[in-house]
Amino acid sequence: MVFVSRNPMWWLAGTAVSLIIAAILYFAVIKSSNDTANNAIKQSQKQAQQLINSATKQVQSATKSATSSGGGAPSAAQTAVEKAAKLAACVTAAGTDVTKVQACQAQYQ
């Protein structure tokens, strides 16, 4: 419904009501969805970093034990590093798509 009036008071009231409706929609729908997506991305990046740190520690300890015993690094450490690298690449490729980030988490946990 369109209401046309030459009275500037009605024009200002209509503008104010439109802005209030737009603000309510933004804060109730858009902002909450955006915050949820950002939190999911931050969480997946944190998990990826934890996996990378864990894999790095495993590789360092395996390298120390390998140099002292003369053998090669255990394959478990190598697979952990590869898994962390794949998770980080998957999260980076997913960008801001929450569904893809969740798929990365499920695949590499």
PDB file of N, CA and C in Angstrom:
ATOM      1  N   MET A   1       0.830  -1.160   0.000  1.00  0.00           N
ATOM      2  CA  MET A   1       0.000   0.000   0.000  1.00  0.00           C
ATOM      3  C   MET A   1       0.881   1.231   0.000  1.00  0.00           C
ATOM      4  N   VAL A   2       0.566   2.173  -0.828  1.00  0.00           N
ATOM      5  CA  VAL A   2       1.344   3.395  -0.948  1.00  0.00           C
ATOM      6  C   VAL A   2       0.479   4.558  -0.497  1.00  0.00           C
ATOM      7  N   PHE A   3       1.030   5.353   0.357  1.00  0.00           N
ATOM      8  CA  PHE A   3       0.330   6.515   0.863  1.00  0.00           C
ATOM      9  C   PHE A   3       1.098   7.749   0.415  1.00  0.00           C
ATOM     10  N   VAL A   4       0.474   8.610  -0.348  1.00  0.00           N
ATOM     11  CA  VAL A   4       1.136   9.793  -0.881  1.00  0.00           C
ATOM     12  C   VAL A   4       0.539  11.023  -0.210  1.00  0.00           C
ATOM     13  N   SER A   5       1.415  11.836   0.289  1.00  0.00           N
ATOM     14  CA  SER A   5       0.954  13.060   0.934  1.00  0.00           C
ATOM     15  C   SER A   5       1.965  14.165   0.665  1.00  0.00           C
ATOM     16  N   ARG A   6       1.481  15.381   0.596  1.00  0.00           N
ATOM     17  CA  ARG A   6       2.385  16.509   0.400  1.00  0.00           C
ATOM     18  C   ARG A   6       2.858  17.054   1.743  1.00  0.00           C
ATOM     19  N   ASN A   7       2.308  16.550   2.781  1.00  0.00           N
ATOM     20  CA  ASN A   7       2.688  17.012   4.105  1.00  0.00           C
ATOM     21  C   ASN A   7       4.058  16.439   4.479  1.00  0.00           C
ATOM     22  N   PRO A   8       5.055  17.287   4.751  1.00  0.00           N
ATOM     23  CA  PRO A   8       6.399  16.780   5.082  1.00  0.00           C
ATOM     24  C   PRO A   8       6.431  15.968   6.378  1.00  0.00           C
ATOM     25  N   MET A   9       5.501  16.203   7.275  1.00  0.00           N
ATOM     26  CA  MET A   9       5.475  15.442   8.519  1.00  0.00           C
ATOM     27  C   MET A   9       5.147  13.972   8.233  1.00  0.00           C
ATOM     28  N   TRP A  10       4.190  13.711   7.340  1.00  0.00           N
ATOM     29  CA  TRP A  10       3.864  12.341   6.967  1.00  0.00           C
ATOM     30  C   TRP A  10       5.025  11.694   6.222  1.00  0.00           C
ATOM     31  N   TRP A  11       5.710  12.464   5.416  1.00  0.00           N
ATOM     32  CA  TRP A  11       6.863  11.941   4.674  1.00  0.00           C
ATOM     33  C   TRP A  11       7.967  11.518   5.641  1.00  0.00           C
ATOM     34  N   LEU A  12       8.243  12.355   6.645  1.00  0.00           N
ATOM     35  CA  LEU A  12       9.266  12.015   7.650  1.00  0.00           C
ATOM     36  C   LEU A  12       8.835  10.805   8.481  1.00  0.00           C
ATOM     37  N   ALA A  13       7.568  10.735   8.807  1.00  0.00           N
ATOM     38  CA  ALA A  13       7.087   9.582   9.586  1.00  0.00           C
ATOM     39  C   ALA A  13       7.220   8.298   8.781  1.00  0.00           C
ATOM     40  N   GLY A  14       6.871   8.344   7.497  1.00  0.00           N
ATOM     41  CA  GLY A  14       7.011   7.159   6.649  1.00  0.00           C
ATOM     42  C   GLY A  14       8.461   6.730   6.494  1.00  0.00           C
ATOM     43  N   THR A  15       9.352   7.717   6.353  1.00  0.00           N
ATOM     44  CA  THR A  15      10.784   7.406   6.259  1.00  0.00           C
ATOM     45  C   THR A  15      11.281   6.777   7.551  1.00  0.00           C
ATOM     46  N   ALA A  16      10.849   7.325   8.689  1.00  0.00           N
ATOM     47  CA  ALA A  16      11.278   6.788   9.982  1.00  0.00           C
ATOM     48  C   ALA A  16      10.793   5.354  10.171  1.00  0.00           C
ATOM     49  N   VAL A  17       9.550   5.082   9.812  1.00  0.00           N
ATOM     50  CA  VAL A  17       9.014   3.722   9.944  1.00  0.00           C
ATOM     51  C   VAL A  17       9.783   2.757   9.048  1.00  0.00           C
ATOM     52  N   SER A  18      10.098   3.178   7.834  1.00  0.00           N
ATOM     53  CA  SER A  18      10.865   2.320   6.920  1.00  0.00           C
ATOM     54  C   SER A  18      12.246   2.014   7.474  1.00  0.00           C
ATOM     55  N   LEU A  19      12.900   3.027   8.032  1.00  0.00           N
ATOM     56  CA  LEU A  19      14.235   2.809   8.614  1.00  0.00           C
ATOM     57  C   LEU A  19      14.176   1.899   9.835  1.00  0.00           C
ATOM     58  N   ILE A  20      13.138   2.046  10.634  1.00  0.00           N
ATOM     59  CA  ILE A  20      12.993   1.187  11.811  1.00  0.00           C
ATOM     60  C   ILE A  20      12.776  -0.270  11.389  1.00  0.00           C
ATOM     61  N   ILE A  21      11.956  -0.505  10.382  1.00  0.00           N
ATOM     62  CA  ILE A  21      11.728  -1.869   9.889  1.00  0.00           C
ATOM     63  C   ILE A  21      13.014  -2.452   9.323  1.00  0.00           C
ATOM     64  N   ALA A  22      13.764  -1.649   8.569  1.00  0.00           N
ATOM     65  CA  ALA A  22      15.036  -2.130   8.014  1.00  0.00           C
ATOM     66  C   ALA A  22      16.017  -2.463   9.124  1.00  0.00           C
ATOM     67  N   ALA A  23      16.078  -1.648  10.176  1.00  0.00           N
ATOM     68  CA  ALA A  23      16.990  -1.908  11.294  1.00  0.00           C
ATOM     69  C   ALA A  23      16.603  -3.183  12.035  1.00  0.00           C
ATOM     70  N   ILE A  24      15.309  -3.378  12.247  1.00  0.00           N
ATOM     71  CA  ILE A  24      14.860  -4.595  12.930  1.00  0.00           C
ATOM     72  C   ILE A  24      15.219  -5.834  12.113  1.00  0.00           C
ATOM     73  N   LEU A  25      14.995  -5.789  10.818  1.00  0.00           N
ATOM     74  CA  LEU A  25      15.353  -6.921   9.961  1.00  0.00           C
ATOM     75  C   LEU A  25      16.850  -7.187  10.000  1.00  0.00           C
ATOM     76  N   TYR A  26      17.643  -6.131   9.954  1.00  0.00           N
ATOM     77  CA  TYR A  26      19.099  -6.317   9.961  1.00  0.00           C
ATOM     78  C   TYR A  26      19.559  -6.976  11.252  1.00  0.00           C
ATOM     79  N   PHE A  27      19.159  -6.416  12.385  1.00  0.00           N
ATOM     80  CA  PHE A  27      19.648  -6.936  13.658  1.00  0.00           C
ATOM     81  C   PHE A  27      19.034  -8.285  14.027  1.00  0.00           C
ATOM     82  N   ALA A  28      17.820  -8.556  13.589  1.00  0.00           N
ATOM     83  CA  ALA A  28      17.171  -9.817  13.956  1.00  0.00           C
ATOM     84  C   ALA A  28      17.565 -10.973  13.047  1.00  0.00           C
ATOM     85  N   VAL A  29      17.795 -10.695  11.763  1.00  0.00           N
ATOM     86  CA  VAL A  29      18.026 -11.783  10.815  1.00  0.00           C
ATOM     87  C   VAL A  29      19.447 -11.780  10.281  1.00  0.00           C
ATOM     88  N   ILE A  30      19.841 -10.723   9.654  1.00  0.00           N
ATOM     89  CA  ILE A  30      21.114 -10.698   8.927  1.00  0.00           C
ATOM     90  C   ILE A  30      22.306 -10.754   9.867  1.00  0.00           C
ATOM     91  N   LYS A  31      22.314  -9.926  10.899  1.00  0.00           N
ATOM     92  CA  LYS A  31      23.466  -9.877  11.790  1.00  0.00           C
ATOM     93  C   LYS A  31      23.666 -11.194  12.539  1.00  0.00           C
ATOM     94  N   SER A  32      22.589 -11.807  12.999  1.00  0.00           N
ATOM     95  CA  SER A  32      22.728 -13.066  13.738  1.00  0.00           C
ATOM     96  C   SER A  32      23.262 -14.176  12.833  1.00  0.00           C
ATOM     97  N   SER A  33      22.806 -14.222  11.588  1.00  0.00           N
ATOM     98  CA  SER A  33      23.320 -15.230  10.655  1.00  0.00           C
ATOM     99  C   SER A  33      24.779 -14.980  10.331  1.00  0.00           C
ATOM    100  N   ASN A  34      25.127 -13.735  10.152  1.00  0.00           N
ATOM    101  CA  ASN A  34      26.511 -13.376   9.851  1.00  0.00           C
ATOM    102  C   ASN A  34      27.425 -13.717  11.026  1.00  0.00           C
ATOM    103  N   ASP A  35      26.975 -13.443  12.252  1.00  0.00           N
ATOM    104  CA  ASP A  35      27.769 -13.772  13.433  1.00  0.00           C
ATOM    105  C   ASP A  35      27.955 -15.284  13.566  1.00  0.00           C
ATOM    106  N   THR A  36      26.915 -16.052  13.276  1.00  0.00           N
ATOM    107  CA  THR A  36      27.015 -17.510  13.346  1.00  0.00           C
ATOM    108  C   THR A  36      28.048 -18.034  12.348  1.00  0.00           C
ATOM    109  N   ALA A  37      28.016 -17.495  11.145  1.00  0.00           N
ATOM    110  CA  ALA A  37      28.975 -17.921  10.123  1.00  0.00           C
ATOM    111  C   ALA A  37      30.395 -17.544  10.520  1.00  0.00           C
ATOM    112  N   ASN A  38      30.578 -16.352  11.040  1.00  0.00           N
ATOM    113  CA  ASN A  38      31.912 -15.929  11.459  1.00  0.00           C
ATOM    114  C   ASN A  38      32.437 -16.788  12.604  1.00  0.00           C
ATOM    115  N   ASN A  39      31.576 -17.141  13.546  1.00  0.00           N
ATOM    116  CA  ASN A  39      32.005 -17.997  14.660  1.00  0.00           C
ATOM    117  C   ASN A  39      32.395 -19.388  14.171  1.00  0.00           C
ATOM    118  N   ALA A  40      31.658 -19.928  13.217  1.00  0.00           N
ATOM    119  CA  ALA A  40      32.005 -21.242  12.671  1.00  0.00           C
ATOM    120  C   ALA A  40      33.356 -21.203  11.968  1.00  0.00           C
ATOM    121  N   ILE A  41      33.625 -20.137  11.248  1.00  0.00           N
ATOM    122  CA  ILE A  41      34.907 -20.011  10.554  1.00  0.00           C
ATOM    123  C   ILE A  41      36.041 -19.865  11.555  1.00  0.00           C
ATOM    124  N   LYS A  42      35.848 -19.045  12.572  1.00  0.00           N
ATOM    125  CA  LYS A  42      36.892 -18.875  13.590  1.00  0.00           C
ATOM    126  C   LYS A  42      37.177 -20.191  14.309  1.00  0.00           C
ATOM    127  N   GLN A  43      36.124 -20.933  14.614  1.00  0.00           N
ATOM    128  CA  GLN A  43      36.304 -22.216  15.294  1.00  0.00           C
ATOM    129  C   GLN A  43      37.064 -23.205  14.419  1.00  0.00           C
ATOM    130  N   SER A  44      36.731 -23.258  13.147  1.00  0.00           N
ATOM    131  CA  SER A  44      37.426 -24.197  12.265  1.00  0.00           C
ATOM    132  C   SER A  44      38.878 -23.778  12.057  1.00  0.00           C
ATOM    133  N   GLN A  45      39.148 -22.493  11.996  1.00  0.00           N
ATOM    134  CA  GLN A  45      40.527 -22.042  11.870  1.00  0.00           C
ATOM    135  C   GLN A  45      41.314 -22.369  13.136  1.00  0.00           C
ATOM    136  N   LYS A  46      40.659 -22.237  14.297  1.00  0.00           N
ATOM    137  CA  LYS A  46      41.320 -22.568  15.553  1.00  0.00           C
ATOM    138  C   LYS A  46      41.649 -24.065  15.614  1.00  0.00           C
ATOM    139  N   GLN A  47      40.697 -24.900  15.165  1.00  0.00           N
ATOM    140  CA  GLN A  47      40.935 -26.339  15.156  1.00  0.00           C
ATOM    141  C   GLN A  47      42.044 -26.707  14.175  1.00  0.00           C
ATOM    142  N   ALA A  48      42.058 -26.048  13.034  1.00  0.00           N
ATOM    143  CA  ALA A  48      43.109 -26.315  12.055  1.00  0.00           C
ATOM    144  C   ALA A  48      44.468 -25.941  12.628  1.00  0.00           C
ATOM    145  N   GLN A  49      44.527 -24.812  13.313  1.00  0.00           N
ATOM    146  CA  GLN A  49      45.798 -24.391  13.905  1.00  0.00           C
ATOM    147  C   GLN A  49      46.234 -25.350  14.998  1.00  0.00           C
ATOM    148  N   GLN A  50      45.289 -25.857  15.788  1.00  0.00           N
ATOM    149  CA  GLN A  50      45.630 -26.829  16.822  1.00  0.00           C
ATOM    150  C   GLN A  50      46.183 -28.109  16.199  1.00  0.00           C
ATOM    151  N   LEU A  51      45.569 -28.566  15.112  1.00  0.00           N
ATOM    152  CA  LEU A  51      46.076 -29.761  14.434  1.00  0.00           C
ATOM    153  C   LEU A  51      47.472 -29.529  13.874  1.00  0.00           C
ATOM    154  N   ILE A  52      47.687 -28.369  13.314  1.00  0.00           N
ATOM    155  CA  ILE A  52      49.007 -28.054  12.764  1.00  0.00           C
ATOM    156  C   ILE A  52      50.041 -28.002  13.870  1.00  0.00           C
ATOM    157  N   ASN A  53      49.694 -27.369  14.990  1.00  0.00           N
ATOM    158  CA  ASN A  53      50.635 -27.311  16.115  1.00  0.00           C
ATOM    159  C   ASN A  53      50.942 -28.700  16.668  1.00  0.00           C
ATOM    160  N   SER A  54      49.906 -29.523  16.778  1.00  0.00           N
ATOM    161  CA  SER A  54      50.102 -30.888  17.262  1.00  0.00           C
ATOM    162  C   SER A  54      50.986 -31.687  16.309  1.00  0.00           C
ATOM    163  N   ALA A  55      50.728 -31.556  15.033  1.00  0.00           N
ATOM    164  CA  ALA A  55      51.522 -32.282  14.043  1.00  0.00           C
ATOM    165  C   ALA A  55      52.961 -31.798  14.055  1.00  0.00           C
ATOM    166  N   THR A  56      53.160 -30.507  14.217  1.00  0.00           N
ATOM    167  CA  THR A  56      54.516 -29.962  14.266  1.00  0.00           C
ATOM    168  C   THR A  56      55.272 -30.505  15.469  1.00  0.00           C
ATOM    169  N   LYS A  57      54.597 -30.567  16.622  1.00  0.00           N
ATOM    170  CA  LYS A  57      55.246 -31.122  17.817  1.00  0.00           C
ATOM    171  C   LYS A  57      55.592 -32.597  17.614  1.00  0.00           C
ATOM    172  N   GLN A  58      54.678 -33.352  16.973  1.00  0.00           N
ATOM    173  CA  GLN A  58      54.945 -34.759  16.718  1.00  0.00           C
ATOM    174  C   GLN A  58      56.124 -34.934  15.772  1.00  0.00           C
ATOM    175  N   VAL A  59      56.187 -34.094  14.771  1.00  0.00           N
ATOM    176  CA  VAL A  59      57.297 -34.187  13.818  1.00  0.00           C
ATOM    177  C   VAL A  59      58.616 -33.835  14.499  1.00  0.00           C
ATOM    178  N   GLN A  60      58.590 -32.810  15.347  1.00  0.00           N
ATOM    179  CA  GLN A  60      59.811 -32.428  16.045  1.00  0.00           C
ATOM    180  C   GLN A  60      60.292 -33.530  16.977  1.00  0.00           C
ATOM    181  N   SER A  61      59.351 -34.127  17.717  1.00  0.00           N
ATOM    182  CA  SER A  61      59.762 -35.214  18.615  1.00  0.00           C
ATOM    183  C   SER A  61      60.203 -36.441  17.825  1.00  0.00           C
ATOM    184  N   ALA A  62      59.547 -36.714  16.699  1.00  0.00           N
ATOM    185  CA  ALA A  62      59.954 -37.847  15.874  1.00  0.00           C
ATOM    186  C   ALA A  62      61.315 -37.594  15.244  1.00  0.00           C
ATOM    187  N   THR A  63      61.565 -36.374  14.864  1.00  0.00           N
ATOM    188  CA  THR A  63      62.862 -36.039  14.282  1.00  0.00           C
ATOM    189  C   THR A  63      63.969 -36.179  15.322  1.00  0.00           C
ATOM    190  N   LYS A  64      63.697 -35.741  16.542  1.00  0.00           N
ATOM    191  CA  LYS A  64      64.694 -35.876  17.611  1.00  0.00           C
ATOM    192  C   LYS A  64      64.986 -37.345  17.896  1.00  0.00           C
ATOM    193  N   SER A  65      63.918 -38.153  17.986  1.00  0.00           N
ATOM    194  CA  SER A  65      64.138 -39.567  18.275  1.00  0.00           C
ATOM    195  C   SER A  65      64.774 -40.279  17.077  1.00  0.00           C
ATOM    196  N   ALA A  66      64.454 -39.822  15.860  1.00  0.00           N
ATOM    197  CA  ALA A  66      65.034 -40.447  14.672  1.00  0.00           C
ATOM    198  C   ALA A  66      66.512 -40.121  14.553  1.00  0.00           C
ATOM    199  N   THR A  67      66.882 -38.899  14.884  1.00  0.00           N
ATOM    200  CA  THR A  67      68.304 -38.545  14.795  1.00  0.00           C
ATOM    201  C   THR A  67      69.110 -39.235  15.886  1.00  0.00           C
ATOM    202  N   SER A  68      68.487 -39.452  17.048  1.00  0.00           N
ATOM    203  CA  SER A  68      69.218 -40.142  18.108  1.00  0.00           C
ATOM    204  C   SER A  68      69.314 -41.642  17.853  1.00  0.00           C
ATOM    205  N   SER A  69      68.312 -42.222  17.189  1.00  0.00           N
ATOM    206  CA  SER A  69      68.344 -43.661  16.937  1.00  0.00           C
ATOM    207  C   SER A  69      68.825 -43.996  15.530  1.00  0.00           C
ATOM    208  N   GLY A  70      68.860 -43.008  14.664  1.00  0.00           N
ATOM    209  CA  GLY A  70      69.358 -43.241  13.310  1.00  0.00           C
ATOM    210  C   GLY A  70      68.301 -43.694  12.332  1.00  0.00           C
ATOM    211  N   GLY A  71      67.028 -43.797  12.733  1.00  0.00           N
ATOM    212  CA  GLY A  71      65.960 -44.232  11.845  1.00  0.00           C
ATOM    213  C   GLY A  71      65.218 -43.057  11.229  1.00  0.00           C
ATOM    214  N   GLY A  72      64.183 -43.359  10.438  1.00  0.00           N
ATOM    215  CA  GLY A  72      63.378 -42.317   9.808  1.00  0.00           C
ATOM    216  C   GLY A  72      62.239 -41.872  10.718  1.00  0.00           C
ATOM    217  N   ALA A  73      61.596 -40.795  10.352  1.00  0.00           N
ATOM    218  CA  ALA A  73      60.479 -40.272  11.134  1.00  0.00           C
ATOM    219  C   ALA A  73      59.298 -41.232  11.027  1.00  0.00           C
ATOM    220  N   PRO A  74      58.568 -41.415  12.099  1.00  0.00           N
ATOM    221  CA  PRO A  74      57.421 -42.320  12.067  1.00  0.00           C
ATOM    222  C   PRO A  74      56.360 -41.847  11.074  1.00  0.00           C
ATOM    223  N   SER A  75      55.691 -42.795  10.487  1.00  0.00           N
ATOM    224  CA  SER A  75      54.677 -42.442   9.497  1.00  0.00           C
ATOM    225  C   SER A  75      53.467 -41.771  10.145  1.00  0.00           C
ATOM    226  N   ALA A  76      53.225 -42.002  11.423  1.00  0.00           N
ATOM    227  CA  ALA A  76      52.095 -41.362  12.109  1.00  0.00           C
ATOM    228  C   ALA A  76      52.269 -39.856  12.148  1.00  0.00           C
ATOM    229  N   ALA A  77      53.483 -39.408  12.390  1.00  0.00           N
ATOM    230  CA  ALA A  77      53.747 -37.965  12.409  1.00  0.00           C
ATOM    231  C   ALA A  77      53.573 -37.378  11.021  1.00  0.00           C
ATOM    232  N   GLN A  78      54.010 -38.105  10.016  1.00  0.00           N
ATOM    233  CA  GLN A  78      53.864 -37.602   8.653  1.00  0.00           C
ATOM    234  C   GLN A  78      52.394 -37.514   8.255  1.00  0.00           C
ATOM    235  N   THR A  79      51.608 -38.503   8.643  1.00  0.00           N
ATOM    236  CA  THR A  79      50.187 -38.460   8.305  1.00  0.00           C
ATOM    237  C   THR A  79      49.475 -37.347   9.063  1.00  0.00           C
ATOM    238  N   ALA A  80      49.898 -37.080  10.300  1.00  0.00           N
ATOM    239  CA  ALA A  80      49.294 -35.982  11.069  1.00  0.00           C
ATOM    240  C   ALA A  80      49.578 -34.639  10.407  1.00  0.00           C
ATOM    241  N   VAL A  81      50.803 -34.471   9.918  1.00  0.00           N
ATOM    242  CA  VAL A  81      51.159 -33.231   9.232  1.00  0.00           C
ATOM    243  C   VAL A  81      50.355 -33.100   7.939  1.00  0.00           C
ATOM    244  N   GLU A  82      50.241 -34.186   7.198  1.00  0.00           N
ATOM    245  CA  GLU A  82      49.477 -34.155   5.945  1.00  0.00           C
ATOM    246  C   GLU A  82      47.999 -33.850   6.216  1.00  0.00           C
ATOM    247  N   LYS A  83      47.446 -34.445   7.276  1.00  0.00           N
ATOM    248  CA  LYS A  83      46.052 -34.228   7.631  1.00  0.00           C
ATOM    249  C   LYS A  83      45.817 -32.764   8.015  1.00  0.00           C
ATOM    250  N   ALA A  84      46.737 -32.205   8.785  1.00  0.00           N
ATOM    251  CA  ALA A  84      46.603 -30.797   9.186  1.00  0.00           C
ATOM    252  C   ALA A  84      46.720 -29.872   7.984  1.00  0.00           C
ATOM    253  N   ALA A  85      47.612 -30.179   7.084  1.00  0.00           N
ATOM    254  CA  ALA A  85      47.777 -29.349   5.893  1.00  0.00           C
ATOM    255  C   ALA A  85      46.533 -29.418   5.004  1.00  0.00           C
ATOM    256  N   LYS A  86      45.960 -30.617   4.869  1.00  0.00           N
ATOM    257  CA  LYS A  86      44.741 -30.761   4.061  1.00  0.00           C
ATOM    258  C   LYS A  86      43.567 -30.020   4.698  1.00  0.00           C
ATOM    259  N   LEU A  87      43.449 -30.086   6.035  1.00  0.00           N
ATOM    260  CA  LEU A  87      42.382 -29.369   6.723  1.00  0.00           C
ATOM    261  C   LEU A  87      42.531 -27.869   6.537  1.00  0.00           C
ATOM    262  N   ALA A  88      43.740 -27.377   6.692  1.00  0.00           N
ATOM    263  CA  ALA A  88      43.976 -25.939   6.513  1.00  0.00           C
ATOM    264  C   ALA A  88      43.659 -25.510   5.087  1.00  0.00           C
ATOM    265  N   ALA A  89      44.041 -26.323   4.106  1.00  0.00           N
ATOM    266  CA  ALA A  89      43.746 -25.995   2.708  1.00  0.00           C
ATOM    267  C   ALA A  89      42.244 -26.033   2.441  1.00  0.00           C
ATOM    268  N   CYS A  90      41.555 -26.995   3.041  1.00  0.00           N
ATOM    269  CA  CYS A  90      40.112 -27.119   2.850  1.00  0.00           C
ATOM    270  C   CYS A  90      39.379 -25.922   3.455  1.00  0.00           C
ATOM    271  N   VAL A  91      39.778 -25.516   4.656  1.00  0.00           N
ATOM    272  CA  VAL A  91      39.141 -24.375   5.309  1.00  0.00           C
ATOM    273  C   VAL A  91      39.421 -23.095   4.528  1.00  0.00           C
ATOM    274  N   THR A  92      40.628 -22.956   4.027  1.00  0.00           N
ATOM    275  CA  THR A  92      40.960 -21.782   3.231  1.00  0.00           C
ATOM    276  C   THR A  92      40.139 -21.750   1.950  1.00  0.00           C
ATOM    277  N   ALA A  93      39.989 -22.891   1.313  1.00  0.00           N
ATOM    278  CA  ALA A  93      39.209 -22.956   0.077  1.00  0.00           C
ATOM    279  C   ALA A  93      37.720 -22.721   0.343  1.00  0.00           C
ATOM    280  N   ALA A  94      37.243 -23.120   1.515  1.00  0.00           N
ATOM    281  CA  ALA A  94      35.828 -22.949   1.842  1.00  0.00           C
ATOM    282  C   ALA A  94      35.465 -21.483   2.013  1.00  0.00           C
ATOM    283  N   GLY A  95      36.410 -20.686   2.472  1.00  0.00           N
ATOM    284  CA  GLY A  95      36.145 -19.258   2.649  1.00  0.00           C
ATOM    285  C   GLY A  95      35.075 -19.029   3.693  1.00  0.00           C
ATOM    286  N   THR A  96      34.028 -18.308   3.325  1.00  0.00           N
ATOM    287  CA  THR A  96      32.976 -17.970   4.276  1.00  0.00           C
ATOM    288  C   THR A  96      31.757 -18.865   4.161  1.00  0.00           C
ATOM    289  N   ASP A  97      31.833 -19.912   3.362  1.00  0.00           N
ATOM    290  CA  ASP A  97      30.703 -20.836   3.205  1.00  0.00           C
ATOM    291  C   ASP A  97      30.678 -21.795   4.398  1.00  0.00           C
ATOM    292  N   VAL A  98      29.699 -21.615   5.257  1.00  0.00           N
ATOM    293  CA  VAL A  98      29.616 -22.378   6.501  1.00  0.00           C
ATOM    294  C   VAL A  98      29.457 -23.870   6.232  1.00  0.00           C
ATOM    295  N   THR A  99      28.693 -24.232   5.236  1.00  0.00           N
ATOM    296  CA  THR A  99      28.465 -25.642   4.917  1.00  0.00           C
ATOM    297  C   THR A  99      29.770 -26.320   4.527  1.00  0.00           C
ATOM    298  N   LYS A 100      30.563 -25.648   3.706  1.00  0.00           N
ATOM    299  CA  LYS A 100      31.843 -26.235   3.293  1.00  0.00           C
ATOM    300  C   LYS A 100      32.819 -26.333   4.460  1.00  0.00           C
ATOM    301  N   VAL A 101      32.816 -25.329   5.356  1.00  0.00           N
ATOM    302  CA  VAL A 101      33.703 -25.373   6.528  1.00  0.00           C
ATOM    303  C   VAL A 101      33.320 -26.542   7.423  1.00  0.00           C
ATOM    304  N   GLN A 102      32.019 -26.757   7.631  1.00  0.00           N
ATOM    305  CA  GLN A 102      31.575 -27.878   8.451  1.00  0.00           C
ATOM    306  C   GLN A 102      31.926 -29.210   7.796  1.00  0.00           C
ATOM    307  N   ALA A 103      31.856 -29.266   6.477  1.00  0.00           N
ATOM    308  CA  ALA A 103      32.242 -30.487   5.765  1.00  0.00           C
ATOM    309  C   ALA A 103      33.730 -30.755   5.948  1.00  0.00           C
ATOM    310  N   CYS A 104      34.534 -29.705   5.933  1.00  0.00           N
ATOM    311  CA  CYS A 104      35.975 -29.866   6.168  1.00  0.00           C
ATOM    312  C   CYS A 104      36.230 -30.413   7.563  1.00  0.00           C
ATOM    313  N   GLN A 105      35.531 -29.868   8.554  1.00  0.00           N
ATOM    314  CA  GLN A 105      35.701 -30.336   9.928  1.00  0.00           C
ATOM    315  C   GLN A 105      35.339 -31.806  10.048  1.00  0.00           C
ATOM    316  N   ALA A 106      34.235 -32.183   9.445  1.00  0.00           N
ATOM    317  CA  ALA A 106      33.786 -33.578   9.541  1.00  0.00           C
ATOM    318  C   ALA A 106      34.751 -34.523   8.832  1.00  0.00           C
ATOM    319  N   GLN A 107      35.315 -34.065   7.729  1.00  0.00           N
ATOM    320  CA  GLN A 107      36.184 -34.917   6.938  1.00  0.00           C
ATOM    321  C   GLN A 107      37.551 -35.141   7.593  1.00  0.00           C
ATOM    322  N   TYR A 108      38.088 -34.121   8.237  1.00  0.00           N
ATOM    323  CA  TYR A 108      39.461 -34.213   8.754  1.00  0.00           C
ATOM    324  C   TYR A 108      39.556 -34.311  10.256  1.00  0.00           C
ATOM    325  N   GLN A 109      38.473 -34.635  10.951  1.00  0.00           N
ATOM    326  CA  GLN A 109      38.582 -34.798  12.404  1.00  0.00           C
ATOM    327  C   GLN A 109      38.931 -36.203  12.774  1.00  0.00           C
TER     328      GLN A 109
END
